[in-house]
C-alpha atoms as a PDB file:
ATOM      1  CA  UNK A   1     -19.940  13.544  12.729  1.00  0.00           C
ATOM      2  CA  UNK A   2     -18.241  16.361  12.823  1.00  0.00           C
ATOM      3  CA  UNK A   3     -14.073  16.766  11.330  1.00  0.00           C
ATOM      4  CA  UNK A   4     -11.668  16.504  13.260  1.00  0.00           C
ATOM      5  CA  UNK A   5     -14.016  14.563  16.931  1.00  0.00           C
ATOM      6  CA  UNK A   6     -11.779  11.064  15.814  1.00  0.00           C
ATOM      7  CA  UNK A   7      -9.089  10.463  18.792  1.00  0.00           C
ATOM      8  CA  UNK A   8      -6.021  11.035  17.484  1.00  0.00           C
ATOM      9  CA  UNK A   9      -5.310   7.410  17.224  1.00  0.00           C
ATOM     10  CA  UNK A  10      -7.725   6.686  14.966  1.00  0.00           C
ATOM     11  CA  UNK A  11      -5.531   7.451  12.040  1.00  0.00           C
ATOM     12  CA  UNK A  12      -3.478   4.184  12.568  1.00  0.00           C
ATOM     13  CA  UNK A  13      -7.158   1.948  11.750  1.00  0.00           C
ATOM     14  CA  UNK A  14      -7.393   4.393   8.311  1.00  0.00           C
ATOM     15  CA  UNK A  15      -4.252   3.541   7.579  1.00  0.00           C
ATOM     16  CA  UNK A  16      -4.944  -0.040   8.058  1.00  0.00           C
ATOM     17  CA  UNK A  17      -7.713   0.458   5.915  1.00  0.00           C
ATOM     18  CA  UNK A  18      -6.052   1.330   3.357  1.00  0.00           C
ATOM     19  CA  UNK A  19      -4.164  -0.938   2.781  1.00  0.00           C
ATOM     20  CA  UNK A  20      -6.093  -4.072   3.424  1.00  0.00           C
ATOM     21  CA  UNK A  21      -8.554  -2.292   0.146  1.00  0.00           C
ATOM     22  CA  UNK A  22      -5.764  -1.367  -1.357  1.00  0.00           C
ATOM     23  CA  UNK A  23      -3.548  -4.449  -1.383  1.00  0.00           C
ATOM     24  CA  UNK A  24      -7.573  -6.216  -1.796  1.00  0.00           C
ATOM     25  CA  UNK A  25      -7.663  -4.259  -5.058  1.00  0.00           C
ATOM     26  CA  UNK A  26      -4.181  -5.686  -5.893  1.00  0.00           C
ATOM     27  CA  UNK A  27      -4.544  -9.166  -5.913  1.00  0.00           C
ATOM     28  CA  UNK A  28      -7.899  -8.425  -8.181  1.00  0.00           C
ATOM     29  CA  UNK A  29      -5.626  -7.472 -10.877  1.00  0.00           C
ATOM     30  CA  UNK A  30      -6.622  -3.992 -10.496  1.00  0.00           C
ATOM     31  CA  UNK A  31      -3.807  -2.054  -7.976  1.00  0.00           C
ATOM     32  CA  UNK A  32      -3.552   0.906 -10.214  1.00  0.00           C
ATOM     33  CA  UNK A  33      -6.820   2.450  -7.845  1.00  0.00           C
ATOM     34  CA  UNK A  34      -5.068   1.240  -4.746  1.00  0.00           C
ATOM     35  CA  UNK A  35      -2.954   5.165  -4.793  1.00  0.00           C
ATOM     36  CA  UNK A  36      -6.472   6.752  -4.938  1.00  0.00           C
ATOM     37  CA  UNK A  37      -7.255   4.852  -2.069  1.00  0.00           C
ATOM     38  CA  UNK A  38      -4.196   5.889  -0.334  1.00  0.00           C
ATOM     39  CA  UNK A  39      -4.890   9.078  -0.861  1.00  0.00           C
ATOM     40  CA  UNK A  40      -8.625   8.948   0.330  1.00  0.00           C
ATOM     41  CA  UNK A  41      -7.698   7.163   3.371  1.00  0.00           C
ATOM     42  CA  UNK A  42      -5.174   9.445   4.482  1.00  0.00           C
ATOM     43  CA  UNK A  43      -7.617  12.338   3.314  1.00  0.00           C
ATOM     44  CA  UNK A  44      -9.923  10.886   5.846  1.00  0.00           C
ATOM     45  CA  UNK A  45      -7.452   9.921   8.478  1.00  0.00           C
ATOM     46  CA  UNK A  46      -6.546  13.737   8.955  1.00  0.00           C
ATOM     47  CA  UNK A  47      -9.494  15.211   8.386  1.00  0.00           C
ATOM     48  CA  UNK A  48     -11.991  12.637  10.722  1.00  0.00           C
ATOM     49  CA  UNK A  49      -9.320  12.665  13.829  1.00  0.00           C
ATOM     50  CA  UNK A  50      -7.677  14.890  15.727  1.00  0.00           C
ATOM     51  CA  UNK A  51      -4.041  13.857  14.925  1.00  0.00           C
ATOM     52  CA  UNK A  52      -2.119  15.891  13.515  1.00  0.00           C
ATOM     53  CA  UNK A  53       0.520  15.547  10.720  1.00  0.00           C
ATOM     54  CA  UNK A  54       3.397  14.280  12.501  1.00  0.00           C
ATOM     55  CA  UNK A  55       1.098  11.312  14.104  1.00  0.00           C
ATOM     56  CA  UNK A  56      -0.620  10.756   9.869  1.00  0.00           C
ATOM     57  CA  UNK A  57       2.862  10.650   7.986  1.00  0.00           C
ATOM     58  CA  UNK A  58       4.301   8.360  10.908  1.00  0.00           C
ATOM     59  CA  UNK A  59       0.902   6.210  10.362  1.00  0.00           C
ATOM     60  CA  UNK A  60       1.042   5.938   6.768  1.00  0.00           C
ATOM     61  CA  UNK A  61       5.144   5.851   5.948  1.00  0.00           C
ATOM     62  CA  UNK A  62       4.700   2.092   7.963  1.00  0.00           C
ATOM     63  CA  UNK A  63       1.207   1.761   5.790  1.00  0.00           C
ATOM     64  CA  UNK A  64       3.909   2.512   2.641  1.00  0.00           C
ATOM     65  CA  UNK A  65       5.741  -0.148   4.171  1.00  0.00           C
ATOM     66  CA  UNK A  66       3.543  -3.019   4.773  1.00  0.00           C
ATOM     67  CA  UNK A  67       1.717  -2.449   1.279  1.00  0.00           C
ATOM     68  CA  UNK A  68       4.736  -2.693   0.026  1.00  0.00           C
ATOM     69  CA  UNK A  69       5.746  -5.599   1.803  1.00  0.00           C
ATOM     70  CA  UNK A  70       1.952  -7.567   0.331  1.00  0.00           C
ATOM     71  CA  UNK A  71       3.871  -6.555  -3.335  1.00  0.00           C
ATOM     72  CA  UNK A  72       6.565  -8.388  -2.346  1.00  0.00           C
ATOM     73  CA  UNK A  73       4.591 -11.263  -1.329  1.00  0.00           C
ATOM     74  CA  UNK A  74       2.119 -11.185  -3.984  1.00  0.00           C
ATOM     75  CA  UNK A  75       3.827 -10.831  -6.006  1.00  0.00           C
ATOM     76  CA  UNK A  76       6.644 -14.440  -4.771  1.00  0.00           C
ATOM     77  CA  UNK A  77       3.227 -16.366  -4.336  1.00  0.00           C
ATOM     78  CA  UNK A  78       2.677 -15.253  -7.950  1.00  0.00           C
ATOM     79  CA  UNK A  79       5.818 -16.526  -9.178  1.00  0.00           C
ATOM     80  CA  UNK A  80       5.864 -19.832  -7.185  1.00  0.00           C
ATOM     81  CA  UNK A  81       3.081 -20.709  -8.708  1.00  0.00           C
ATOM     82  CA  UNK A  82       4.571 -19.583 -12.115  1.00  0.00           C
ATOM     83  CA  UNK A  83       6.904 -22.003 -11.710  1.00  0.00           C
ATOM     84  CA  UNK A  84       5.271 -24.432 -10.772  1.00  0.00           C
ATOM     85  CA  UNK A  85       3.265 -24.125 -13.937  1.00  0.00           C
ATOM     86  CA  UNK A  86       6.786 -24.049 -15.802  1.00  0.00           C
ATOM     87  CA  UNK A  87       8.351 -27.027 -14.594  1.00  0.00           C
ATOM     88  CA  UNK A  88       5.318 -29.099 -15.357  1.00  0.00           C
ATOM     89  CA  UNK A  89       5.675 -27.970 -18.684  1.00  0.00           C
ATOM     90  CA  UNK A  90       9.893 -28.866 -18.029  1.00  0.00           C
ATOM     91  CA  UNK A  91      11.622 -31.804 -19.274  1.00  0.00           C
ATOM     92  CA  UNK A  92      14.739 -33.281 -17.664  1.00  0.00           C
ATOM     93  CA  UNK A  93      17.467 -31.064 -16.748  1.00  0.00           C
ATOM     94  CA  UNK A  94      15.825 -27.672 -18.049  1.00  0.00           C
ATOM     95  CA  UNK A  95      13.683 -28.139 -15.029  1.00  0.00           C
ATOM     96  CA  UNK A  96      17.191 -26.397 -12.895  1.00  0.00           C
ATOM     97  CA  UNK A  97      17.933 -23.530 -15.398  1.00  0.00           C
ATOM     98  CA  UNK A  98      14.580 -23.032 -15.614  1.00  0.00           C
ATOM     99  CA  UNK A  99      13.570 -22.548 -12.298  1.00  0.00           C
ATOM    100  CA  UNK A 100      16.955 -20.402 -11.325  1.00  0.00           C
ATOM    101  CA  UNK A 101      16.054 -17.481 -14.373  1.00  0.00           C
ATOM    102  CA  UNK A 102      12.169 -17.695 -13.031  1.00  0.00           C
ATOM    103  CA  UNK A 103      13.283 -17.086  -9.664  1.00  0.00           C
ATOM    104  CA  UNK A 104      16.117 -14.880 -10.576  1.00  0.00           C
ATOM    105  CA  UNK A 105      13.951 -13.022 -12.621  1.00  0.00           C
ATOM    106  CA  UNK A 106      10.921 -13.180 -10.587  1.00  0.00           C
ATOM    107  CA  UNK A 107      13.076 -11.390  -7.329  1.00  0.00           C
ATOM    108  CA  UNK A 108      13.812  -7.965  -8.985  1.00  0.00           C
ATOM    109  CA  UNK A 109      10.884  -7.735 -10.712  1.00  0.00           C
ATOM    110  CA  UNK A 110       8.963  -8.421  -7.042  1.00  0.00           C
ATOM    111  CA  UNK A 111      12.147  -5.660  -6.046  1.00  0.00           C
ATOM    112  CA  UNK A 112      11.177  -3.353  -8.556  1.00  0.00           C
ATOM    113  CA  UNK A 113       7.615  -3.326  -8.014  1.00  0.00           C
ATOM    114  CA  UNK A 114       7.885  -3.195  -4.062  1.00  0.00           C
ATOM    115  CA  UNK A 115      10.076   0.276  -4.293  1.00  0.00           C
ATOM    116  CA  UNK A 116       7.755   1.720  -7.074  1.00  0.00           C
ATOM    117  CA  UNK A 117       4.612   0.584  -4.491  1.00  0.00           C
ATOM    118  CA  UNK A 118       6.118   1.653  -1.359  1.00  0.00           C
ATOM    119  CA  UNK A 119       6.783   5.193  -3.522  1.00  0.00           C
ATOM    120  CA  UNK A 120       2.848   5.856  -5.173  1.00  0.00           C
ATOM    121  CA  UNK A 121       1.694   4.809  -1.798  1.00  0.00           C
ATOM    122  CA  UNK A 122       3.743   6.870   0.713  1.00  0.00           C
ATOM    123  CA  UNK A 123       3.648  10.035  -2.159  1.00  0.00           C
ATOM    124  CA  UNK A 124      -0.303   9.641  -2.366  1.00  0.00           C
ATOM    125  CA  UNK A 125      -1.097   8.981   1.601  1.00  0.00           C
ATOM    126  CA  UNK A 126       1.792  12.493   2.017  1.00  0.00           C
ATOM    127  CA  UNK A 127      -0.679  13.977   0.062  1.00  0.00           C
ATOM    128  CA  UNK A 128      -3.485  12.904   1.259  1.00  0.00           C
ATOM    129  CA  UNK A 129      -3.261  13.372   4.665  1.00  0.00           C
ATOM    130  CA  UNK A 130      -2.358  17.616   3.682  1.00  0.00           C
ATOM    131  CA  UNK A 131      -4.871  17.885   2.351  1.00  0.00           C
ATOM    132  CA  UNK A 132      -7.788  16.794   4.567  1.00  0.00           C
ATOM    133  CA  UNK A 133      -5.861  18.847   7.182  1.00  0.00           C
ATOM    134  CA  UNK A 134      -5.894  22.111   5.151  1.00  0.00           C
ATOM    135  CA  UNK A 135      -9.667  20.639   5.128  1.00  0.00           C
ATOM    136  CA  UNK A 136     -10.306  20.322   8.919  1.00  0.00           C
ATOM    137  CA  UNK A 137      -8.108  23.307  10.104  1.00  0.00           C
ATOM    138  CA  UNK A 138     -10.469  25.710   7.031  1.00  0.00           C
ATOM    139  CA  UNK A 139     -13.116  24.632   8.879  1.00  0.00           C
ATOM    140  CA  UNK A 140     -12.324  26.632  12.081  1.00  0.00           C
ATOM    141  CA  UNK A 141     -11.005  25.748  15.025  1.00  0.00           C
ATOM    142  CA  UNK A 142     -13.928  24.022  16.641  1.00  0.00           C
ATOM    143  CA  UNK A 143     -13.725  21.432  14.393  1.00  0.00           C
ATOM    144  CA  UNK A 144      -9.355  21.706  14.429  1.00  0.00           C
END
């Protein structure tokens, strides 16, 4: 398949694939690779489709939001597991104190992590989509 031959709306499939792969890698504990996956998928989304930079940026912006939301949900699920474990260990009146402190710290860390993931995903996907667009344009007018 030649660069730029796929429908411009296929950029959304590339984005969803990038979100699923990055989220799965993050769940397995190797989330640092997720930004590289995002950049590679964004490159492919503009290189292989007829989508312009505006449509590609819009889809990857939505993808960064989805990945940040997945990070918050994943962190909340991990926090719930940790709270359950700490609840078993604690005794008496200390259970409520430990749960309250754990929930507050977990929420703060989750928000911080989701902001970091959103910015990282947005930057990496933007670099990838601009590189893909430049590569597609370099191939000549037949590819663009």
